[in-house]
Amino acid sequence: DQLYVSSVCDYNDYVAGFLKNAIPKFKECVTDLSDRDDTAMVFNNTLTELEEEILANMMALEWVGRETKKLQN
């Protein structure tokens, strides 16, 4: 990915945007996703593998949604 190669910080910010959009949509999560350090980019609680997978899938859906909107404009 060119963004990652050109700037790791910009890439991390880009990906973090998808995570921030996905978090409030994961209402059934048992782990408190609001307990996190956004600067260090870590959750203060350990997520289960299933929770990690669900968040990753939700982030992918956020990306698809953004790309779809780009194509529609």
PDB file of N, CA and C in Angstrom:
ATOM      1  N   ASP A   1       0.837  -1.184   0.000  1.00  0.00           N
ATOM      2  CA  ASP A   1       0.000   0.000   0.000  1.00  0.00           C
ATOM      3  C   ASP A   1       0.880   1.246   0.000  1.00  0.00           C
ATOM      4  N   GLN A   2       0.614   2.145  -0.913  1.00  0.00           N
ATOM      5  CA  GLN A   2       1.449   3.338  -1.050  1.00  0.00           C
ATOM      6  C   GLN A   2       1.379   4.244   0.170  1.00  0.00           C
ATOM      7  N   LEU A   3       0.224   4.352   0.795  1.00  0.00           N
ATOM      8  CA  LEU A   3       0.100   5.207   1.974  1.00  0.00           C
ATOM      9  C   LEU A   3       1.005   4.708   3.087  1.00  0.00           C
ATOM     10  N   TYR A   4       1.050   3.399   3.305  1.00  0.00           N
ATOM     11  CA  TYR A   4       1.905   2.834   4.349  1.00  0.00           C
ATOM     12  C   TYR A   4       3.367   3.101   4.044  1.00  0.00           C
ATOM     13  N   VAL A   5       3.754   2.920   2.793  1.00  0.00           N
ATOM     14  CA  VAL A   5       5.148   3.125   2.397  1.00  0.00           C
ATOM     15  C   VAL A   5       5.530   4.594   2.545  1.00  0.00           C
ATOM     16  N   SER A   6       4.622   5.495   2.194  1.00  0.00           N
ATOM     17  CA  SER A   6       4.951   6.919   2.244  1.00  0.00           C
ATOM     18  C   SER A   6       4.927   7.484   3.663  1.00  0.00           C
ATOM     19  N   SER A   7       4.027   6.982   4.509  1.00  0.00           N
ATOM     20  CA  SER A   7       3.935   7.504   5.873  1.00  0.00           C
ATOM     21  C   SER A   7       3.195   6.516   6.772  1.00  0.00           C
ATOM     22  N   VAL A   8       3.934   5.883   7.637  1.00  0.00           N
ATOM     23  CA  VAL A   8       3.329   4.926   8.569  1.00  0.00           C
ATOM     24  C   VAL A   8       2.338   5.640   9.489  1.00  0.00           C
ATOM     25  N   CYS A   9       2.670   6.853   9.915  1.00  0.00           N
ATOM     26  CA  CYS A   9       1.762   7.611  10.797  1.00  0.00           C
ATOM     27  C   CYS A   9       0.441   7.912  10.099  1.00  0.00           C
ATOM     28  N   ASP A  10       0.509   8.351   8.839  1.00  0.00           N
ATOM     29  CA  ASP A  10      -0.722   8.632   8.092  1.00  0.00           C
ATOM     30  C   ASP A  10      -1.541   7.364   7.893  1.00  0.00           C
ATOM     31  N   TYR A  11      -0.853   6.257   7.630  1.00  0.00           N
ATOM     32  CA  TYR A  11      -1.539   4.975   7.453  1.00  0.00           C
ATOM     33  C   TYR A  11      -2.245   4.572   8.748  1.00  0.00           C
ATOM     34  N   ASN A  12      -1.538   4.703   9.871  1.00  0.00           N
ATOM     35  CA  ASN A  12      -2.137   4.355  11.165  1.00  0.00           C
ATOM     36  C   ASN A  12      -3.365   5.215  11.450  1.00  0.00           C
ATOM     37  N   ASP A  13      -3.291   6.505  11.130  1.00  0.00           N
ATOM     38  CA  ASP A  13      -4.445   7.391  11.314  1.00  0.00           C
ATOM     39  C   ASP A  13      -5.608   6.963  10.422  1.00  0.00           C
ATOM     40  N   TYR A  14      -5.297   6.588   9.191  1.00  0.00           N
ATOM     41  CA  TYR A  14      -6.308   6.148   8.228  1.00  0.00           C
ATOM     42  C   TYR A  14      -7.035   4.909   8.750  1.00  0.00           C
ATOM     43  N   VAL A  15      -6.279   3.925   9.201  1.00  0.00           N
ATOM     44  CA  VAL A  15      -6.859   2.679   9.714  1.00  0.00           C
ATOM     45  C   VAL A  15      -7.598   2.931  11.030  1.00  0.00           C
ATOM     46  N   ALA A  16      -7.053   3.803  11.868  1.00  0.00           N
ATOM     47  CA  ALA A  16      -7.704   4.115  13.147  1.00  0.00           C
ATOM     48  C   ALA A  16      -9.088   4.715  12.926  1.00  0.00           C
ATOM     49  N   GLY A  17      -9.260   5.432  11.838  1.00  0.00           N
ATOM     50  CA  GLY A  17     -10.572   5.990  11.519  1.00  0.00           C
ATOM     51  C   GLY A  17     -11.621   4.908  11.327  1.00  0.00           C
ATOM     52  N   PHE A  18     -11.240   3.822  10.678  1.00  0.00           N
ATOM     53  CA  PHE A  18     -12.173   2.711  10.492  1.00  0.00           C
ATOM     54  C   PHE A  18     -12.500   2.055  11.829  1.00  0.00           C
ATOM     55  N   LEU A  19     -11.492   1.931  12.680  1.00  0.00           N
ATOM     56  CA  LEU A  19     -11.716   1.339  14.000  1.00  0.00           C
ATOM     57  C   LEU A  19     -12.647   2.219  14.828  1.00  0.00           C
ATOM     58  N   LYS A  20     -12.407   3.525  14.824  1.00  0.00           N
ATOM     59  CA  LYS A  20     -13.257   4.436  15.601  1.00  0.00           C
ATOM     60  C   LYS A  20     -14.703   4.404  15.118  1.00  0.00           C
ATOM     61  N   ASN A  21     -14.908   4.206  13.831  1.00  0.00           N
ATOM     62  CA  ASN A  21     -16.270   4.094  13.303  1.00  0.00           C
ATOM     63  C   ASN A  21     -16.902   2.749  13.652  1.00  0.00           C
ATOM     64  N   ALA A  22     -16.090   1.707  13.739  1.00  0.00           N
ATOM     65  CA  ALA A  22     -16.604   0.361  14.013  1.00  0.00           C
ATOM     66  C   ALA A  22     -16.951   0.158  15.489  1.00  0.00           C
ATOM     67  N   ILE A  23     -16.193   0.762  16.377  1.00  0.00           N
ATOM     68  CA  ILE A  23     -16.363   0.525  17.817  1.00  0.00           C
ATOM     69  C   ILE A  23     -17.792   0.764  18.299  1.00  0.00           C
ATOM     70  N   PRO A  24     -18.408   1.909  18.021  1.00  0.00           N
ATOM     71  CA  PRO A  24     -19.767   2.110  18.553  1.00  0.00           C
ATOM     72  C   PRO A  24     -20.819   1.193  17.933  1.00  0.00           C
ATOM     73  N   LYS A  25     -20.500   0.585  16.821  1.00  0.00           N
ATOM     74  CA  LYS A  25     -21.448  -0.323  16.168  1.00  0.00           C
ATOM     75  C   LYS A  25     -21.383  -1.737  16.746  1.00  0.00           C
ATOM     76  N   PHE A  26     -20.337  -2.013  17.519  1.00  0.00           N
ATOM     77  CA  PHE A  26     -20.160  -3.337  18.127  1.00  0.00           C
ATOM     78  C   PHE A  26     -20.800  -3.309  19.515  1.00  0.00           C
ATOM     79  N   LYS A  27     -22.106  -3.177  19.550  1.00  0.00           N
ATOM     80  CA  LYS A  27     -22.849  -2.995  20.798  1.00  0.00           C
ATOM     81  C   LYS A  27     -22.880  -4.244  21.670  1.00  0.00           C
ATOM     82  N   GLU A  28     -22.735  -5.406  21.059  1.00  0.00           N
ATOM     83  CA  GLU A  28     -22.816  -6.657  21.815  1.00  0.00           C
ATOM     84  C   GLU A  28     -21.481  -7.060  22.442  1.00  0.00           C
ATOM     85  N   CYS A  29     -20.460  -6.256  22.257  1.00  0.00           N
ATOM     86  CA  CYS A  29     -19.133  -6.609  22.775  1.00  0.00           C
ATOM     87  C   CYS A  29     -19.154  -6.646  24.301  1.00  0.00           C
ATOM     88  N   VAL A  30     -18.632  -7.722  24.861  1.00  0.00           N
ATOM     89  CA  VAL A  30     -18.583  -7.883  26.313  1.00  0.00           C
ATOM     90  C   VAL A  30     -17.490  -6.997  26.905  1.00  0.00           C
ATOM     91  N   THR A  31     -16.372  -6.885  26.217  1.00  0.00           N
ATOM     92  CA  THR A  31     -15.253  -6.067  26.678  1.00  0.00           C
ATOM     93  C   THR A  31     -15.579  -4.591  26.459  1.00  0.00           C
ATOM     94  N   ASP A  32     -15.202  -3.756  27.419  1.00  0.00           N
ATOM     95  CA  ASP A  32     -15.450  -2.316  27.323  1.00  0.00           C
ATOM     96  C   ASP A  32     -14.488  -1.696  26.310  1.00  0.00           C
ATOM     97  N   LEU A  33     -14.994  -1.418  25.112  1.00  0.00           N
ATOM     98  CA  LEU A  33     -14.152  -0.863  24.052  1.00  0.00           C
ATOM     99  C   LEU A  33     -13.868   0.621  24.245  1.00  0.00           C
ATOM    100  N   SER A  34     -14.577   1.264  25.155  1.00  0.00           N
ATOM    101  CA  SER A  34     -14.297   2.674  25.428  1.00  0.00           C
ATOM    102  C   SER A  34     -13.081   2.833  26.337  1.00  0.00           C
ATOM    103  N   ASP A  35     -12.676   1.758  26.986  1.00  0.00           N
ATOM    104  CA  ASP A  35     -11.497   1.777  27.856  1.00  0.00           C
ATOM    105  C   ASP A  35     -10.268   1.510  26.997  1.00  0.00           C
ATOM    106  N   ARG A  36      -9.742   2.597  26.414  1.00  0.00           N
ATOM    107  CA  ARG A  36      -8.612   2.458  25.497  1.00  0.00           C
ATOM    108  C   ARG A  36      -7.741   3.697  25.563  1.00  0.00           C
ATOM    109  N   ASP A  37      -6.535   3.555  25.068  1.00  0.00           N
ATOM    110  CA  ASP A  37      -5.589   4.664  24.956  1.00  0.00           C
ATOM    111  C   ASP A  37      -5.413   4.944  23.472  1.00  0.00           C
ATOM    112  N   ASP A  38      -6.085   5.981  22.983  1.00  0.00           N
ATOM    113  CA  ASP A  38      -6.030   6.286  21.554  1.00  0.00           C
ATOM    114  C   ASP A  38      -4.645   6.749  21.115  1.00  0.00           C
ATOM    115  N   THR A  39      -3.899   7.386  22.006  1.00  0.00           N
ATOM    116  CA  THR A  39      -2.548   7.834  21.658  1.00  0.00           C
ATOM    117  C   THR A  39      -1.625   6.645  21.440  1.00  0.00           C
ATOM    118  N   ALA A  40      -1.681   5.680  22.358  1.00  0.00           N
ATOM    119  CA  ALA A  40      -0.851   4.475  22.235  1.00  0.00           C
ATOM    120  C   ALA A  40      -1.469   3.452  21.291  1.00  0.00           C
ATOM    121  N   MET A  41      -2.736   3.703  20.897  1.00  0.00           N
ATOM    122  CA  MET A  41      -3.465   2.817  19.992  1.00  0.00           C
ATOM    123  C   MET A  41      -3.613   1.409  20.565  1.00  0.00           C
ATOM    124  N   VAL A  42      -4.053   1.344  21.836  1.00  0.00           N
ATOM    125  CA  VAL A  42      -4.259   0.051  22.495  1.00  0.00           C
ATOM    126  C   VAL A  42      -5.549   0.081  23.311  1.00  0.00           C
ATOM    127  N   PHE A  43      -6.157  -1.083  23.434  1.00  0.00           N
ATOM    128  CA  PHE A  43      -7.257  -1.252  24.371  1.00  0.00           C
ATOM    129  C   PHE A  43      -6.642  -1.588  25.716  1.00  0.00           C
ATOM    130  N   ASN A  44      -7.227  -1.086  26.791  1.00  0.00           N
ATOM    131  CA  ASN A  44      -6.698  -1.358  28.127  1.00  0.00           C
ATOM    132  C   ASN A  44      -7.129  -2.720  28.653  1.00  0.00           C
ATOM    133  N   ASN A  45      -8.058  -3.363  27.959  1.00  0.00           N
ATOM    134  CA  ASN A  45      -8.503  -4.710  28.308  1.00  0.00           C
ATOM    135  C   ASN A  45      -8.146  -5.651  27.166  1.00  0.00           C
ATOM    136  N   THR A  46      -7.969  -6.899  27.491  1.00  0.00           N
ATOM    137  CA  THR A  46      -7.652  -7.893  26.472  1.00  0.00           C
ATOM    138  C   THR A  46      -8.924  -8.318  25.753  1.00  0.00           C
ATOM    139  N   LEU A  47      -8.889  -8.218  24.431  1.00  0.00           N
ATOM    140  CA  LEU A  47     -10.022  -8.661  23.622  1.00  0.00           C
ATOM    141  C   LEU A  47      -9.878 -10.151  23.330  1.00  0.00           C
ATOM    142  N   THR A  48     -10.998 -10.828  23.226  1.00  0.00           N
ATOM    143  CA  THR A  48     -10.952 -12.229  22.811  1.00  0.00           C
ATOM    144  C   THR A  48     -10.638 -12.280  21.317  1.00  0.00           C
ATOM    145  N   GLU A  49     -10.246 -13.439  20.841  1.00  0.00           N
ATOM    146  CA  GLU A  49      -9.987 -13.590  19.408  1.00  0.00           C
ATOM    147  C   GLU A  49     -11.242 -13.292  18.601  1.00  0.00           C
ATOM    148  N   LEU A  50     -12.382 -13.710  19.108  1.00  0.00           N
ATOM    149  CA  LEU A  50     -13.641 -13.451  18.411  1.00  0.00           C
ATOM    150  C   LEU A  50     -13.927 -11.950  18.346  1.00  0.00           C
ATOM    151  N   GLU A  51     -13.708 -11.243  19.450  1.00  0.00           N
ATOM    152  CA  GLU A  51     -13.914  -9.791  19.453  1.00  0.00           C
ATOM    153  C   GLU A  51     -12.978  -9.106  18.467  1.00  0.00           C
ATOM    154  N   GLU A  52     -11.729  -9.546  18.414  1.00  0.00           N
ATOM    155  CA  GLU A  52     -10.773  -8.991  17.452  1.00  0.00           C
ATOM    156  C   GLU A  52     -11.244  -9.234  16.020  1.00  0.00           C
ATOM    157  N   GLU A  53     -11.711 -10.447  15.762  1.00  0.00           N
ATOM    158  CA  GLU A  53     -12.179 -10.791  14.419  1.00  0.00           C
ATOM    159  C   GLU A  53     -13.406  -9.969  14.035  1.00  0.00           C
ATOM    160  N   ILE A  54     -14.326  -9.811  14.969  1.00  0.00           N
ATOM    161  CA  ILE A  54     -15.528  -9.020  14.691  1.00  0.00           C
ATOM    162  C   ILE A  54     -15.152  -7.569  14.402  1.00  0.00           C
ATOM    163  N   LEU A  55     -14.261  -6.999  15.204  1.00  0.00           N
ATOM    164  CA  LEU A  55     -13.830  -5.621  14.955  1.00  0.00           C
ATOM    165  C   LEU A  55     -13.138  -5.492  13.603  1.00  0.00           C
ATOM    166  N   ALA A  56     -12.298  -6.456  13.265  1.00  0.00           N
ATOM    167  CA  ALA A  56     -11.615  -6.427  11.964  1.00  0.00           C
ATOM    168  C   ALA A  56     -12.620  -6.479  10.822  1.00  0.00           C
ATOM    169  N   ASN A  57     -13.621  -7.334  10.950  1.00  0.00           N
ATOM    170  CA  ASN A  57     -14.659  -7.422   9.916  1.00  0.00           C
ATOM    171  C   ASN A  57     -15.466  -6.130   9.830  1.00  0.00           C
ATOM    172  N   MET A  58     -15.751  -5.541  10.969  1.00  0.00           N
ATOM    173  CA  MET A  58     -16.503  -4.289  10.977  1.00  0.00           C
ATOM    174  C   MET A  58     -15.675  -3.156  10.375  1.00  0.00           C
ATOM    175  N   MET A  59     -14.372  -3.165  10.626  1.00  0.00           N
ATOM    176  CA  MET A  59     -13.487  -2.172  10.006  1.00  0.00           C
ATOM    177  C   MET A  59     -13.480  -2.348   8.493  1.00  0.00           C
ATOM    178  N   ALA A  60     -13.461  -3.587   8.035  1.00  0.00           N
ATOM    179  CA  ALA A  60     -13.493  -3.849   6.592  1.00  0.00           C
ATOM    180  C   ALA A  60     -14.796  -3.332   5.988  1.00  0.00           C
ATOM    181  N   LEU A  61     -15.899  -3.514   6.694  1.00  0.00           N
ATOM    182  CA  LEU A  61     -17.183  -2.993   6.217  1.00  0.00           C
ATOM    183  C   LEU A  61     -17.172  -1.467   6.157  1.00  0.00           C
ATOM    184  N   GLU A  62     -16.531  -0.837   7.124  1.00  0.00           N
ATOM    185  CA  GLU A  62     -16.397   0.623   7.099  1.00  0.00           C
ATOM    186  C   GLU A  62     -15.600   1.059   5.869  1.00  0.00           C
ATOM    187  N   TRP A  63     -14.539   0.324   5.565  1.00  0.00           N
ATOM    188  CA  TRP A  63     -13.720   0.635   4.387  1.00  0.00           C
ATOM    189  C   TRP A  63     -14.539   0.466   3.108  1.00  0.00           C
ATOM    190  N   VAL A  64     -15.263  -0.647   3.009  1.00  0.00           N
ATOM    191  CA  VAL A  64     -16.091  -0.894   1.822  1.00  0.00           C
ATOM    192  C   VAL A  64     -17.121   0.224   1.665  1.00  0.00           C
ATOM    193  N   GLY A  65     -17.728   0.626   2.762  1.00  0.00           N
ATOM    194  CA  GLY A  65     -18.703   1.711   2.710  1.00  0.00           C
ATOM    195  C   GLY A  65     -18.095   3.003   2.196  1.00  0.00           C
ATOM    196  N   ARG A  66     -16.904   3.313   2.665  1.00  0.00           N
ATOM    197  CA  ARG A  66     -16.221   4.535   2.218  1.00  0.00           C
ATOM    198  C   ARG A  66     -15.875   4.447   0.736  1.00  0.00           C
ATOM    199  N   GLU A  67     -15.369   3.295   0.310  1.00  0.00           N
ATOM    200  CA  GLU A  67     -15.004   3.125  -1.103  1.00  0.00           C
ATOM    201  C   GLU A  67     -16.237   3.183  -2.000  1.00  0.00           C
ATOM    202  N   THR A  68     -17.342   2.623  -1.534  1.00  0.00           N
ATOM    203  CA  THR A  68     -18.587   2.655  -2.303  1.00  0.00           C
ATOM    204  C   THR A  68     -19.069   4.094  -2.479  1.00  0.00           C
ATOM    205  N   LYS A  69     -18.986   4.877  -1.403  1.00  0.00           N
ATOM    206  CA  LYS A  69     -19.393   6.283  -1.490  1.00  0.00           C
ATOM    207  C   LYS A  69     -18.516   7.044  -2.481  1.00  0.00           C
ATOM    208  N   LYS A  70     -17.216   6.734  -2.510  1.00  0.00           N
ATOM    209  CA  LYS A  70     -16.309   7.387  -3.468  1.00  0.00           C
ATOM    210  C   LYS A  70     -16.739   7.095  -4.898  1.00  0.00           C
ATOM    211  N   LEU A  71     -17.103   5.850  -5.158  1.00  0.00           N
ATOM    212  CA  LEU A  71     -17.508   5.459  -6.511  1.00  0.00           C
ATOM    213  C   LEU A  71     -18.826   6.106  -6.920  1.00  0.00           C
ATOM    214  N   GLN A  72     -19.689   6.348  -5.960  1.00  0.00           N
ATOM    215  CA  GLN A  72     -20.994   6.937  -6.255  1.00  0.00           C
ATOM    216  C   GLN A  72     -20.901   8.433  -6.535  1.00  0.00           C
ATOM    217  N   ASN A  73     -19.840   9.060  -6.066  1.00  0.00           N
ATOM    218  CA  ASN A  73     -19.687  10.517  -6.267  1.00  0.00           C
ATOM    219  C   ASN A  73     -18.976  10.847  -7.536  1.00  0.00           C
TER     220      ASN A  73
END
